Amino acid sequence: MRTQGFERRTSSLLTIVGLGIVMPLAMGITPAYAQEARLVVDKTGGNFVRGGAGQYTITVTNTGTEQWTQPAGVLDNLPAGLTPVSVTPSDPTQWQCVLSSATAPNGFSCDSQGPIPAGANYTFTFNVAVAADAPCFVTNEALLGSFSESGGAILDRKQITTTIPGGSCGGNGGNGGNGEGGSLLPINLNGVFTMFDNISINNNIKSPGATNSTNQNFTNTTH
C-alpha cells in the first residue's frame, strides 16, 4: 500500500536526519550539481484557526539548467496538534500524492512520476485540521529527497514555525497579549469609595463651633 511506502520512506529519511547526514546512499544517485539540475523546496503557512483548519503551501523548483532525471519525492510530517486533511499538487500528472494515517507518520508523501524539466515549478496545497488544544506555535519541516524504500538522499529541506492564535495564546479570540483584555486587577473598584460620601470637605474642622457643608457641628472638648 502507498501509505506503507510513505512510512518506510519517512523512516529512512528520519534516520538520515537523525544522523545529520545529507548524502547519497547506496543507490547510485548522481549529486544534483554534477548533472546541472538542482531541486529546492520552499514552504509557507498561514491562517491557522484553533479548533478549525490551516493550510501550508510547499513549492518544489528545478533551479538548474537541465532536467532532473532521478527519483524525487516530497515528505511533510506534521507536529502534534495538526492532522492531515488533503494534499493537492499543481500538476497531478507529474506528482502522485498520498496522505498518511492519523498516527505517525502524520502527513503526506508525493512522488515524481518522471523527469522534472529545468526551471519547472510545482506547488502542493496541504490542508490540515487544527486541534482545539493545539500549541500556540507549531514547527514542522518539508523534506525533498531522491530516495526509494531502501534508502536515498535529502536534497533540500524547509522548516517554518506557524503561530496559532486564540484561547490563552492571545490574538484572535484571546485576552493575552493583544491589548484587548480587561483590567489587570480582577477587582471591580466601582463604588468602593462611595462609603466616604457622608463626610464632606470641612470648613476649618478644628475650630470650635465650626460646621461643614453637611451641617456637622464640632466642639472643642477638654479632658
N, C-alpha and C. Protein backbone atom coordinates (compact mmCIF):
# COMPACT_ATOMS: atom_id res chain seq x y z
N MET A 1 0.84 -1.20 0.00
CA MET A 1 0.00 0.00 0.00
C MET A 1 0.88 1.25 0.00
N ARG A 2 0.39 2.34 -0.61
CA ARG A 2 1.19 3.55 -0.70
C ARG A 2 1.43 4.15 0.68
N THR A 3 0.50 4.03 1.59
CA THR A 3 0.72 4.55 2.93
C THR A 3 1.88 3.84 3.59
N GLN A 4 1.98 2.52 3.40
CA GLN A 4 3.09 1.78 3.96
C GLN A 4 4.40 2.22 3.35
N GLY A 5 4.37 2.50 2.04
CA GLY A 5 5.57 3.01 1.38
C GLY A 5 5.98 4.35 1.94
N PHE A 6 5.01 5.19 2.18
CA PHE A 6 5.28 6.50 2.78
C PHE A 6 5.95 6.33 4.13
N GLU A 7 5.44 5.40 4.95
CA GLU A 7 6.00 5.18 6.27
C GLU A 7 7.43 4.67 6.19
N ARG A 8 7.70 3.77 5.23
CA ARG A 8 9.06 3.25 5.10
C ARG A 8 10.02 4.34 4.63
N ARG A 9 9.59 5.15 3.64
CA ARG A 9 10.46 6.22 3.15
C ARG A 9 10.71 7.24 4.24
N THR A 10 9.66 7.57 5.00
CA THR A 10 9.82 8.52 6.09
C THR A 10 10.80 8.00 7.12
N SER A 11 10.70 6.72 7.45
CA SER A 11 11.61 6.12 8.42
C SER A 11 13.04 6.21 7.93
N SER A 12 13.25 5.95 6.64
CA SER A 12 14.59 6.02 6.07
C SER A 12 15.15 7.43 6.14
N LEU A 13 14.31 8.42 5.77
CA LEU A 13 14.77 9.80 5.78
C LEU A 13 15.00 10.30 7.20
N LEU A 14 14.14 9.91 8.15
CA LEU A 14 14.33 10.33 9.52
C LEU A 14 15.62 9.76 10.08
N THR A 15 16.00 8.57 9.65
CA THR A 15 17.27 8.00 10.07
C THR A 15 18.43 8.86 9.57
N ILE A 16 18.33 9.30 8.32
CA ILE A 16 19.36 10.17 7.75
C ILE A 16 19.43 11.48 8.51
N VAL A 17 18.26 12.07 8.79
CA VAL A 17 18.20 13.33 9.53
C VAL A 17 18.79 13.17 10.91
N GLY A 18 18.45 12.07 11.58
CA GLY A 18 18.93 11.85 12.94
C GLY A 18 20.44 11.73 13.00
N LEU A 19 21.05 11.21 11.96
CA LEU A 19 22.50 11.08 11.92
C LEU A 19 23.18 12.34 11.44
N GLY A 20 22.37 13.30 10.99
CA GLY A 20 22.95 14.54 10.49
C GLY A 20 23.65 14.36 9.15
N ILE A 21 23.22 13.36 8.38
CA ILE A 21 23.88 13.07 7.10
C ILE A 21 22.99 13.52 5.95
N VAL A 22 23.56 14.29 5.03
CA VAL A 22 22.86 14.66 3.81
C VAL A 22 23.77 14.25 2.66
N MET A 23 23.62 13.02 2.19
CA MET A 23 24.49 12.50 1.15
C MET A 23 23.81 11.34 0.46
N PRO A 24 24.20 11.05 -0.78
CA PRO A 24 23.62 9.89 -1.47
C PRO A 24 23.98 8.61 -0.75
N LEU A 25 23.02 7.68 -0.72
CA LEU A 25 23.28 6.37 -0.15
C LEU A 25 23.60 5.40 -1.28
N ALA A 26 23.56 4.11 -0.96
CA ALA A 26 23.96 3.10 -1.95
C ALA A 26 22.85 2.85 -2.95
N MET A 27 22.56 3.86 -3.78
CA MET A 27 21.55 3.66 -4.81
C MET A 27 21.94 4.35 -6.11
N GLY A 28 23.22 4.77 -6.20
CA GLY A 28 23.73 5.28 -7.45
C GLY A 28 23.21 6.65 -7.82
N ILE A 29 22.91 7.51 -6.84
CA ILE A 29 22.41 8.84 -7.14
C ILE A 29 23.56 9.76 -7.52
N THR A 30 23.43 10.44 -8.62
CA THR A 30 24.42 11.43 -9.00
C THR A 30 24.07 12.75 -8.33
N PRO A 31 24.99 13.40 -7.62
CA PRO A 31 24.68 14.67 -6.96
C PRO A 31 24.08 15.66 -7.93
N ALA A 32 23.17 16.51 -7.41
CA ALA A 32 22.42 17.43 -8.27
C ALA A 32 23.35 18.36 -9.04
N TYR A 33 24.42 18.85 -8.36
CA TYR A 33 25.28 19.82 -9.04
C TYR A 33 26.05 19.20 -10.20
N ALA A 34 26.24 17.85 -10.15
CA ALA A 34 27.01 17.18 -11.20
C ALA A 34 26.20 17.04 -12.48
N GLN A 35 24.89 17.00 -12.38
CA GLN A 35 24.07 16.87 -13.57
C GLN A 35 23.41 18.20 -13.96
N GLU A 36 23.91 19.30 -13.38
CA GLU A 36 23.43 20.64 -13.68
C GLU A 36 21.92 20.75 -13.54
N ALA A 37 21.40 20.00 -12.60
CA ALA A 37 19.99 20.10 -12.24
C ALA A 37 19.94 20.19 -10.71
N ARG A 38 19.11 21.05 -10.20
CA ARG A 38 19.08 21.23 -8.74
C ARG A 38 17.64 21.44 -8.30
N LEU A 39 17.17 20.57 -7.41
CA LEU A 39 15.83 20.69 -6.86
C LEU A 39 15.90 21.36 -5.50
N VAL A 40 15.02 22.33 -5.29
CA VAL A 40 14.92 23.01 -4.00
C VAL A 40 13.46 23.03 -3.56
N VAL A 41 13.25 23.15 -2.25
CA VAL A 41 11.89 23.17 -1.71
C VAL A 41 11.70 24.42 -0.87
N ASP A 42 10.50 24.96 -0.91
CA ASP A 42 10.13 26.10 -0.08
C ASP A 42 8.78 25.79 0.56
N LYS A 43 8.46 26.53 1.62
CA LYS A 43 7.22 26.25 2.34
C LYS A 43 6.71 27.51 3.02
N THR A 44 5.40 27.74 2.97
CA THR A 44 4.76 28.84 3.68
C THR A 44 3.51 28.30 4.37
N GLY A 45 3.03 29.04 5.37
CA GLY A 45 1.82 28.64 6.08
C GLY A 45 1.15 29.85 6.69
N GLY A 46 -0.16 29.76 6.87
CA GLY A 46 -0.88 30.88 7.48
C GLY A 46 -2.35 30.59 7.65
N ASN A 47 -3.04 31.56 8.30
CA ASN A 47 -4.48 31.48 8.52
C ASN A 47 -4.90 30.23 9.30
N PHE A 48 -4.12 29.92 10.32
CA PHE A 48 -4.46 28.77 11.17
C PHE A 48 -5.47 29.20 12.23
N VAL A 49 -6.48 28.36 12.47
CA VAL A 49 -7.54 28.66 13.43
C VAL A 49 -7.64 27.50 14.42
N ARG A 50 -7.51 27.81 15.71
CA ARG A 50 -7.60 26.76 16.74
C ARG A 50 -9.00 26.14 16.71
N GLY A 51 -9.03 24.81 16.64
CA GLY A 51 -10.30 24.10 16.54
C GLY A 51 -10.87 24.14 15.14
N GLY A 52 -10.10 24.66 14.19
CA GLY A 52 -10.58 24.77 12.81
C GLY A 52 -9.58 24.17 11.82
N ALA A 53 -9.10 24.99 10.92
CA ALA A 53 -8.25 24.49 9.84
C ALA A 53 -7.04 25.39 9.63
N GLY A 54 -6.10 24.87 8.86
CA GLY A 54 -4.92 25.62 8.45
C GLY A 54 -4.44 25.12 7.11
N GLN A 55 -3.51 25.85 6.51
CA GLN A 55 -3.04 25.46 5.19
C GLN A 55 -1.56 25.79 5.01
N TYR A 56 -0.84 24.81 4.47
CA TYR A 56 0.55 25.02 4.06
C TYR A 56 0.63 24.99 2.54
N THR A 57 1.62 25.70 2.01
CA THR A 57 1.93 25.61 0.59
C THR A 57 3.39 25.23 0.46
N ILE A 58 3.64 24.09 -0.19
CA ILE A 58 5.01 23.62 -0.41
C ILE A 58 5.31 23.78 -1.90
N THR A 59 6.50 24.26 -2.21
CA THR A 59 6.89 24.51 -3.60
C THR A 59 8.19 23.77 -3.90
N VAL A 60 8.21 23.06 -5.03
CA VAL A 60 9.42 22.38 -5.50
C VAL A 60 9.81 22.99 -6.84
N THR A 61 11.09 23.37 -6.96
CA THR A 61 11.57 24.03 -8.18
C THR A 61 12.88 23.40 -8.63
N ASN A 62 13.01 23.19 -9.93
CA ASN A 62 14.30 22.80 -10.50
C ASN A 62 15.00 24.08 -10.94
N THR A 63 15.97 24.51 -10.13
CA THR A 63 16.67 25.77 -10.42
C THR A 63 17.87 25.56 -11.34
N GLY A 64 18.09 24.32 -11.78
CA GLY A 64 19.23 24.03 -12.64
C GLY A 64 18.95 24.32 -14.10
N THR A 65 19.94 23.99 -14.92
CA THR A 65 19.84 24.25 -16.36
C THR A 65 19.46 23.01 -17.15
N GLU A 66 19.39 21.85 -16.46
CA GLU A 66 18.99 20.62 -17.13
C GLU A 66 17.88 19.95 -16.34
N GLN A 67 17.20 19.02 -16.98
CA GLN A 67 16.11 18.33 -16.30
C GLN A 67 16.64 17.37 -15.24
N TRP A 68 15.83 17.17 -14.21
CA TRP A 68 16.15 16.21 -13.15
C TRP A 68 15.61 14.86 -13.57
N THR A 69 16.47 13.85 -13.61
CA THR A 69 16.07 12.54 -14.11
C THR A 69 16.01 11.47 -13.02
N GLN A 70 16.49 11.76 -11.83
CA GLN A 70 16.47 10.79 -10.74
C GLN A 70 15.11 10.80 -10.03
N PRO A 71 14.84 9.79 -9.18
CA PRO A 71 13.60 9.83 -8.39
C PRO A 71 13.55 11.09 -7.52
N ALA A 72 12.36 11.56 -7.26
CA ALA A 72 12.19 12.74 -6.40
C ALA A 72 10.88 12.60 -5.64
N GLY A 73 10.91 13.06 -4.41
CA GLY A 73 9.70 12.99 -3.59
C GLY A 73 9.69 14.06 -2.51
N VAL A 74 8.50 14.42 -2.08
CA VAL A 74 8.32 15.41 -1.02
C VAL A 74 7.62 14.75 0.14
N LEU A 75 8.12 15.00 1.35
CA LEU A 75 7.50 14.49 2.57
C LEU A 75 7.22 15.64 3.52
N ASP A 76 6.13 15.55 4.24
CA ASP A 76 5.82 16.51 5.30
C ASP A 76 5.18 15.75 6.45
N ASN A 77 5.82 15.77 7.61
CA ASN A 77 5.32 15.06 8.78
C ASN A 77 4.89 16.09 9.82
N LEU A 78 3.60 16.14 10.14
CA LEU A 78 3.04 17.19 10.98
C LEU A 78 3.37 17.01 12.46
N PRO A 79 3.46 18.13 13.19
CA PRO A 79 3.67 18.06 14.64
C PRO A 79 2.36 17.79 15.37
N ALA A 80 2.45 17.58 16.68
CA ALA A 80 1.25 17.36 17.49
C ALA A 80 0.34 18.57 17.41
N GLY A 81 -0.97 18.31 17.36
CA GLY A 81 -1.96 19.38 17.27
C GLY A 81 -2.49 19.57 15.87
N LEU A 82 -1.83 18.97 14.87
CA LEU A 82 -2.26 19.07 13.47
C LEU A 82 -2.43 17.68 12.90
N THR A 83 -3.46 17.52 12.05
CA THR A 83 -3.67 16.26 11.34
C THR A 83 -3.94 16.56 9.88
N PRO A 84 -3.51 15.69 8.96
CA PRO A 84 -3.68 15.96 7.54
C PRO A 84 -5.13 15.81 7.09
N VAL A 85 -5.54 16.67 6.16
CA VAL A 85 -6.88 16.60 5.58
C VAL A 85 -6.80 16.30 4.09
N SER A 86 -5.98 17.05 3.36
CA SER A 86 -5.85 16.82 1.93
C SER A 86 -4.55 17.44 1.43
N VAL A 87 -4.04 16.89 0.32
CA VAL A 87 -2.89 17.48 -0.36
C VAL A 87 -3.19 17.47 -1.85
N THR A 88 -2.98 18.63 -2.49
CA THR A 88 -3.31 18.77 -3.91
C THR A 88 -2.10 19.33 -4.66
N PRO A 89 -1.51 18.54 -5.57
CA PRO A 89 -0.38 19.05 -6.36
C PRO A 89 -0.90 19.90 -7.52
N SER A 90 -0.08 20.87 -7.92
CA SER A 90 -0.49 21.72 -9.05
C SER A 90 -0.49 20.94 -10.36
N ASP A 91 0.29 19.87 -10.43
CA ASP A 91 0.32 19.02 -11.63
C ASP A 91 0.18 17.56 -11.20
N PRO A 92 -1.06 17.05 -11.16
CA PRO A 92 -1.29 15.66 -10.72
C PRO A 92 -0.69 14.62 -11.65
N THR A 93 -0.39 14.99 -12.90
CA THR A 93 0.23 14.02 -13.80
C THR A 93 1.72 13.85 -13.50
N GLN A 94 2.32 14.87 -12.89
CA GLN A 94 3.75 14.82 -12.56
C GLN A 94 3.99 14.25 -11.16
N TRP A 95 3.02 14.47 -10.26
CA TRP A 95 3.20 14.07 -8.86
C TRP A 95 2.03 13.22 -8.39
N GLN A 96 2.35 12.08 -7.81
CA GLN A 96 1.34 11.21 -7.21
C GLN A 96 1.47 11.33 -5.69
N CYS A 97 0.36 11.73 -5.04
CA CYS A 97 0.40 12.05 -3.61
C CYS A 97 -0.51 11.12 -2.81
N VAL A 98 -0.16 10.96 -1.54
CA VAL A 98 -0.96 10.16 -0.62
C VAL A 98 -0.82 10.74 0.77
N LEU A 99 -1.93 10.74 1.52
CA LEU A 99 -1.89 11.13 2.92
C LEU A 99 -1.51 9.92 3.76
N SER A 100 -0.85 10.18 4.89
CA SER A 100 -0.55 9.10 5.81
C SER A 100 -1.76 8.86 6.70
N SER A 101 -1.62 7.89 7.59
CA SER A 101 -2.67 7.64 8.58
C SER A 101 -2.63 8.72 9.64
N ALA A 102 -3.59 8.69 10.56
CA ALA A 102 -3.64 9.69 11.63
C ALA A 102 -2.55 9.47 12.66
N THR A 103 -1.89 8.31 12.60
CA THR A 103 -0.78 8.05 13.51
C THR A 103 0.53 8.31 12.79
N ALA A 104 1.63 8.36 13.53
CA ALA A 104 2.92 8.68 12.93
C ALA A 104 3.30 7.63 11.88
N PRO A 105 3.84 8.03 10.70
CA PRO A 105 4.00 9.43 10.32
C PRO A 105 2.66 10.08 10.00
N ASN A 106 2.60 11.37 10.23
CA ASN A 106 1.34 12.09 10.21
C ASN A 106 1.45 13.24 9.21
N GLY A 107 1.25 12.94 7.92
CA GLY A 107 1.44 13.98 6.92
C GLY A 107 1.12 13.49 5.52
N PHE A 108 2.03 13.77 4.57
CA PHE A 108 1.79 13.34 3.20
C PHE A 108 3.11 13.01 2.53
N SER A 109 2.99 12.30 1.40
CA SER A 109 4.12 11.98 0.54
C SER A 109 3.69 12.16 -0.90
N CYS A 110 4.53 12.82 -1.70
CA CYS A 110 4.27 12.99 -3.13
C CYS A 110 5.50 12.53 -3.90
N ASP A 111 5.30 11.65 -4.88
CA ASP A 111 6.40 11.12 -5.69
C ASP A 111 6.31 11.63 -7.11
N SER A 112 7.46 12.03 -7.66
CA SER A 112 7.51 12.46 -9.05
C SER A 112 7.32 11.26 -9.97
N GLN A 113 6.58 11.46 -11.04
CA GLN A 113 6.28 10.39 -11.98
C GLN A 113 7.14 10.42 -13.24
N GLY A 114 8.15 11.29 -13.26
CA GLY A 114 9.01 11.38 -14.43
C GLY A 114 10.02 12.49 -14.26
N PRO A 115 10.84 12.74 -15.29
CA PRO A 115 11.85 13.80 -15.22
C PRO A 115 11.21 15.16 -14.93
N ILE A 116 11.97 16.01 -14.24
CA ILE A 116 11.49 17.35 -13.89
C ILE A 116 12.28 18.35 -14.73
N PRO A 117 11.62 19.06 -15.65
CA PRO A 117 12.33 19.96 -16.56
C PRO A 117 13.06 21.09 -15.83
N ALA A 118 14.09 21.60 -16.45
CA ALA A 118 14.80 22.76 -15.91
C ALA A 118 13.84 23.94 -15.79
N GLY A 119 13.87 24.60 -14.66
CA GLY A 119 13.01 25.76 -14.44
C GLY A 119 11.59 25.42 -14.03
N ALA A 120 11.27 24.13 -13.96
CA ALA A 120 9.89 23.73 -13.60
C ALA A 120 9.61 24.08 -12.14
N ASN A 121 8.36 24.41 -11.89
CA ASN A 121 7.93 24.83 -10.55
C ASN A 121 6.59 24.17 -10.24
N TYR A 122 6.51 23.50 -9.09
CA TYR A 122 5.29 22.80 -8.70
C TYR A 122 4.91 23.21 -7.27
N THR A 123 3.62 23.33 -7.03
CA THR A 123 3.14 23.65 -5.69
C THR A 123 2.26 22.51 -5.17
N PHE A 124 2.25 22.39 -3.84
CA PHE A 124 1.43 21.38 -3.17
C PHE A 124 0.64 22.09 -2.07
N THR A 125 -0.68 22.09 -2.21
CA THR A 125 -1.54 22.72 -1.22
C THR A 125 -1.92 21.68 -0.17
N PHE A 126 -1.47 21.91 1.05
CA PHE A 126 -1.62 20.93 2.12
C PHE A 126 -2.56 21.49 3.19
N ASN A 127 -3.79 20.95 3.23
CA ASN A 127 -4.77 21.39 4.22
C ASN A 127 -4.71 20.50 5.46
N VAL A 128 -4.78 21.13 6.63
CA VAL A 128 -4.68 20.39 7.88
C VAL A 128 -5.80 20.80 8.83
N ALA A 129 -6.13 19.92 9.75
CA ALA A 129 -7.07 20.23 10.82
C ALA A 129 -6.27 20.63 12.06
N VAL A 130 -6.75 21.67 12.74
CA VAL A 130 -6.07 22.20 13.92
C VAL A 130 -6.87 21.84 15.16
N ALA A 131 -6.24 21.17 16.09
CA ALA A 131 -6.93 20.75 17.32
C ALA A 131 -7.30 21.96 18.17
N ALA A 132 -8.36 21.82 18.96
CA ALA A 132 -8.79 22.91 19.83
C ALA A 132 -7.76 23.22 20.89
N ASP A 133 -6.92 22.24 21.24
CA ASP A 133 -5.88 22.45 22.25
C ASP A 133 -4.49 22.46 21.61
N ALA A 134 -4.42 22.85 20.35
CA ALA A 134 -3.13 22.90 19.66
C ALA A 134 -2.20 23.90 20.34
N PRO A 135 -0.88 23.70 20.23
CA PRO A 135 0.07 24.64 20.82
C PRO A 135 -0.05 26.03 20.19
N CYS A 136 0.48 27.03 20.89
CA CYS A 136 0.45 28.40 20.36
C CYS A 136 1.33 28.54 19.12
N PHE A 137 2.39 27.73 19.05
CA PHE A 137 3.29 27.73 17.90
C PHE A 137 3.57 26.29 17.49
N VAL A 138 3.56 26.03 16.18
CA VAL A 138 3.90 24.70 15.68
C VAL A 138 5.02 24.83 14.64
N THR A 139 5.97 23.92 14.72
CA THR A 139 7.10 23.92 13.80
C THR A 139 7.14 22.58 13.07
N ASN A 140 7.21 22.63 11.77
CA ASN A 140 7.43 21.39 11.02
C ASN A 140 8.20 21.67 9.75
N GLU A 141 8.56 20.60 9.08
CA GLU A 141 9.54 20.69 8.01
C GLU A 141 9.10 19.89 6.80
N ALA A 142 9.29 20.49 5.63
CA ALA A 142 9.10 19.76 4.38
C ALA A 142 10.46 19.26 3.92
N LEU A 143 10.51 17.97 3.56
CA LEU A 143 11.74 17.35 3.09
C LEU A 143 11.61 17.00 1.61
N LEU A 144 12.63 17.34 0.85
CA LEU A 144 12.70 16.99 -0.56
C LEU A 144 13.83 15.99 -0.72
N GLY A 145 13.50 14.83 -1.26
CA GLY A 145 14.52 13.79 -1.36
C GLY A 145 14.51 13.07 -2.68
N SER A 146 15.59 12.37 -2.92
CA SER A 146 15.68 11.45 -4.04
C SER A 146 15.95 10.10 -3.42
N PHE A 147 14.90 9.28 -3.31
CA PHE A 147 15.01 8.08 -2.50
C PHE A 147 14.07 6.99 -2.99
N SER A 148 14.34 5.80 -2.49
CA SER A 148 13.45 4.66 -2.69
C SER A 148 13.19 4.06 -1.32
N GLU A 149 12.47 2.95 -1.27
CA GLU A 149 12.16 2.34 0.01
C GLU A 149 13.41 1.77 0.70
N SER A 150 14.48 1.59 -0.07
CA SER A 150 15.71 1.04 0.50
C SER A 150 16.68 2.11 0.96
N GLY A 151 16.42 3.35 0.65
CA GLY A 151 17.32 4.42 1.07
C GLY A 151 17.22 5.61 0.15
N GLY A 152 18.11 6.58 0.34
CA GLY A 152 18.07 7.75 -0.51
C GLY A 152 18.88 8.89 0.04
N ALA A 153 18.59 10.09 -0.43
CA ALA A 153 19.32 11.28 -0.02
C ALA A 153 18.35 12.44 0.14
N ILE A 154 18.62 13.29 1.10
CA ILE A 154 17.86 14.52 1.26
C ILE A 154 18.49 15.58 0.37
N LEU A 155 17.70 16.16 -0.52
CA LEU A 155 18.20 17.18 -1.43
C LEU A 155 18.05 18.58 -0.86
N ASP A 156 16.96 18.82 -0.16
CA ASP A 156 16.72 20.13 0.42
C ASP A 156 15.65 20.00 1.50
N ARG A 157 15.52 21.00 2.34
CA ARG A 157 14.53 20.98 3.40
C ARG A 157 14.14 22.41 3.74
N LYS A 158 12.92 22.58 4.22
CA LYS A 158 12.44 23.91 4.62
C LYS A 158 11.61 23.76 5.89
N GLN A 159 12.03 24.42 6.97
CA GLN A 159 11.33 24.38 8.25
C GLN A 159 10.73 25.74 8.54
N ILE A 160 9.47 25.77 8.99
CA ILE A 160 8.83 27.02 9.37
C ILE A 160 8.09 26.84 10.69
N THR A 161 7.91 27.96 11.39
CA THR A 161 7.11 27.98 12.61
C THR A 161 5.88 28.83 12.36
N THR A 162 4.72 28.29 12.69
CA THR A 162 3.44 28.95 12.44
C THR A 162 2.77 29.28 13.77
N THR A 163 2.23 30.49 13.85
CA THR A 163 1.51 30.92 15.05
C THR A 163 0.04 30.52 14.94
N ILE A 164 -0.50 29.98 16.04
CA ILE A 164 -1.93 29.64 16.09
C ILE A 164 -2.55 30.51 17.18
N PRO A 165 -3.27 31.58 16.82
CA PRO A 165 -3.83 32.49 17.81
C PRO A 165 -5.10 31.93 18.45
N GLY A 166 -5.56 32.66 19.47
CA GLY A 166 -6.80 32.29 20.14
C GLY A 166 -6.56 31.64 21.48
N GLY A 167 -7.62 31.57 22.29
CA GLY A 167 -7.51 30.96 23.60
C GLY A 167 -6.51 31.68 24.47
N SER A 168 -5.71 30.95 25.20
CA SER A 168 -4.71 31.54 26.08
C SER A 168 -3.49 32.05 25.34
N CYS A 169 -3.46 31.84 24.00
CA CYS A 169 -2.30 32.26 23.21
C CYS A 169 -2.41 33.69 22.73
N GLY A 170 -3.54 34.37 23.02
CA GLY A 170 -3.71 35.74 22.56
C GLY A 170 -4.15 35.77 21.11
N GLY A 171 -4.10 36.95 20.51
CA GLY A 171 -4.55 37.09 19.13
C GLY A 171 -6.05 36.98 19.05
N ASN A 172 -6.55 36.43 17.94
CA ASN A 172 -7.99 36.35 17.72
C ASN A 172 -8.66 35.49 18.78
N GLY A 173 -9.58 36.07 19.50
CA GLY A 173 -10.37 35.31 20.44
C GLY A 173 -9.75 35.18 21.81
N GLY A 174 -8.57 35.75 22.03
CA GLY A 174 -7.92 35.61 23.32
C GLY A 174 -7.72 36.93 24.00
N ASN A 175 -7.38 36.91 25.28
CA ASN A 175 -7.15 38.12 26.02
C ASN A 175 -5.68 38.34 26.34
N GLY A 176 -4.82 37.44 25.86
CA GLY A 176 -3.42 37.54 26.22
C GLY A 176 -2.61 38.23 25.14
N GLY A 177 -1.97 39.35 25.47
CA GLY A 177 -1.02 39.99 24.59
C GLY A 177 -1.60 40.70 23.40
N ASN A 178 -2.90 40.93 23.33
CA ASN A 178 -3.46 41.59 22.16
C ASN A 178 -4.04 42.96 22.47
N GLY A 179 -3.86 43.44 23.70
CA GLY A 179 -4.34 44.77 24.02
C GLY A 179 -5.83 44.87 24.17
N GLU A 180 -6.53 43.73 24.17
CA GLU A 180 -7.98 43.78 24.25
C GLU A 180 -8.50 43.17 25.54
N GLY A 181 -7.60 42.93 26.48
CA GLY A 181 -8.02 42.31 27.73
C GLY A 181 -8.68 43.30 28.66
N GLY A 182 -9.19 42.83 29.78
CA GLY A 182 -9.84 43.68 30.75
C GLY A 182 -8.84 44.25 31.73
N SER A 183 -9.32 44.62 32.90
CA SER A 183 -8.47 45.20 33.91
C SER A 183 -7.39 44.22 34.35
N LEU A 184 -6.20 44.75 34.66
CA LEU A 184 -5.14 43.90 35.17
C LEU A 184 -5.48 43.34 36.53
N LEU A 185 -6.34 44.08 37.30
CA LEU A 185 -6.77 43.61 38.60
C LEU A 185 -8.13 42.95 38.48
N PRO A 186 -8.30 41.78 39.00
CA PRO A 186 -9.60 41.10 38.91
C PRO A 186 -10.59 41.63 39.94
N ILE A 187 -10.60 42.96 40.16
CA ILE A 187 -11.46 43.58 41.16
C ILE A 187 -12.16 44.77 40.53
N ASN A 188 -13.45 44.84 40.69
CA ASN A 188 -14.20 46.00 40.22
C ASN A 188 -14.22 47.03 41.34
N LEU A 189 -13.54 48.15 41.10
CA LEU A 189 -13.41 49.18 42.14
C LEU A 189 -14.57 50.16 42.16
N ASN A 190 -15.53 49.99 41.26
CA ASN A 190 -16.66 50.92 41.23
C ASN A 190 -17.42 50.89 42.55
N GLY A 191 -17.59 52.05 43.14
CA GLY A 191 -18.38 52.17 44.35
C GLY A 191 -17.62 51.92 45.63
N VAL A 192 -16.33 51.55 45.52
CA VAL A 192 -15.57 51.24 46.72
C VAL A 192 -15.43 52.48 47.61
N PHE A 193 -15.30 53.66 46.95
CA PHE A 193 -15.06 54.86 47.73
C PHE A 193 -16.33 55.65 48.05
N THR A 194 -17.49 55.16 47.66
CA THR A 194 -18.72 55.91 47.94
C THR A 194 -19.07 55.91 49.42
N MET A 195 -18.46 55.02 50.21
CA MET A 195 -18.74 54.97 51.65
C MET A 195 -18.30 56.25 52.35
N PHE A 196 -17.44 57.03 51.69
CA PHE A 196 -16.95 58.25 52.31
C PHE A 196 -17.74 59.48 51.90
N ASP A 197 -18.82 59.29 51.14
CA ASP A 197 -19.58 60.43 50.65
C ASP A 197 -20.25 61.22 51.77
N ASN A 198 -20.44 60.61 52.96
CA ASN A 198 -21.14 61.31 54.03
C ASN A 198 -20.22 62.26 54.80
N ILE A 199 -18.96 62.30 54.43
CA ILE A 199 -18.02 63.24 55.06
C ILE A 199 -17.62 64.24 54.01
N SER A 200 -18.14 65.42 54.10
CA SER A 200 -17.82 66.45 53.12
C SER A 200 -16.60 67.23 53.57
N ILE A 201 -16.05 67.96 52.63
CA ILE A 201 -14.90 68.80 52.97
C ILE A 201 -15.32 69.82 54.02
N ASN A 202 -14.58 69.90 55.11
CA ASN A 202 -14.98 70.77 56.21
C ASN A 202 -14.38 72.16 56.08
N ASN A 203 -15.00 73.07 56.83
CA ASN A 203 -14.52 74.44 56.88
C ASN A 203 -13.79 74.64 58.21
N ASN A 204 -12.46 74.55 58.16
CA ASN A 204 -11.66 74.70 59.37
C ASN A 204 -12.22 73.80 60.47
N ILE A 205 -12.15 72.48 60.25
CA ILE A 205 -12.82 71.50 61.08
C ILE A 205 -12.37 71.52 62.53
N LYS A 206 -11.18 72.04 62.82
CA LYS A 206 -10.68 72.06 64.18
C LYS A 206 -11.18 73.26 64.99
N SER A 207 -11.88 74.18 64.37
CA SER A 207 -12.35 75.38 65.09
C SER A 207 -13.61 75.06 65.87
N PRO A 208 -13.65 75.39 67.14
CA PRO A 208 -14.87 75.15 67.93
C PRO A 208 -16.07 75.85 67.33
N GLY A 209 -17.17 75.13 67.27
CA GLY A 209 -18.40 75.69 66.75
C GLY A 209 -18.49 75.74 65.25
N ALA A 210 -17.44 75.29 64.57
CA ALA A 210 -17.47 75.32 63.11
C ALA A 210 -18.36 74.21 62.58
N THR A 211 -18.84 74.39 61.39
CA THR A 211 -19.66 73.37 60.73
C THR A 211 -19.12 73.15 59.33
N ASN A 212 -19.50 72.02 58.74
CA ASN A 212 -19.13 71.81 57.34
C ASN A 212 -20.40 71.89 56.49
N SER A 213 -20.28 71.56 55.24
CA SER A 213 -21.40 71.76 54.32
C SER A 213 -22.57 70.85 54.61
N THR A 214 -22.38 69.83 55.42
CA THR A 214 -23.50 68.95 55.78
C THR A 214 -24.00 69.25 57.18
N ASN A 215 -23.65 70.46 57.68
CA ASN A 215 -24.13 70.91 58.99
C ASN A 215 -23.71 69.99 60.13
N GLN A 216 -22.52 69.37 60.00
CA GLN A 216 -21.97 68.61 61.11
C GLN A 216 -21.23 69.58 62.04
N ASN A 217 -21.65 69.64 63.33
CA ASN A 217 -21.08 70.57 64.31
C ASN A 217 -19.91 69.96 65.03
N PHE A 218 -18.92 70.76 65.31
CA PHE A 218 -17.74 70.29 66.01
C PHE A 218 -17.51 71.19 67.22
N THR A 219 -17.16 70.61 68.34
CA THR A 219 -16.91 71.36 69.57
C THR A 219 -15.55 70.99 70.10
N ASN A 220 -15.01 71.88 70.89
CA ASN A 220 -13.69 71.66 71.48
C ASN A 220 -13.90 71.02 72.85
N THR A 221 -13.49 69.76 72.99
CA THR A 221 -13.68 69.03 74.25
C THR A 221 -12.37 69.00 75.02
N THR A 222 -12.45 69.43 76.29
CA THR A 222 -11.24 69.46 77.13
C THR A 222 -11.30 68.31 78.12
N HIS A 223 -10.25 67.51 78.15
CA HIS A 223 -10.18 66.38 79.07
C HIS A 223 -9.31 66.72 80.24
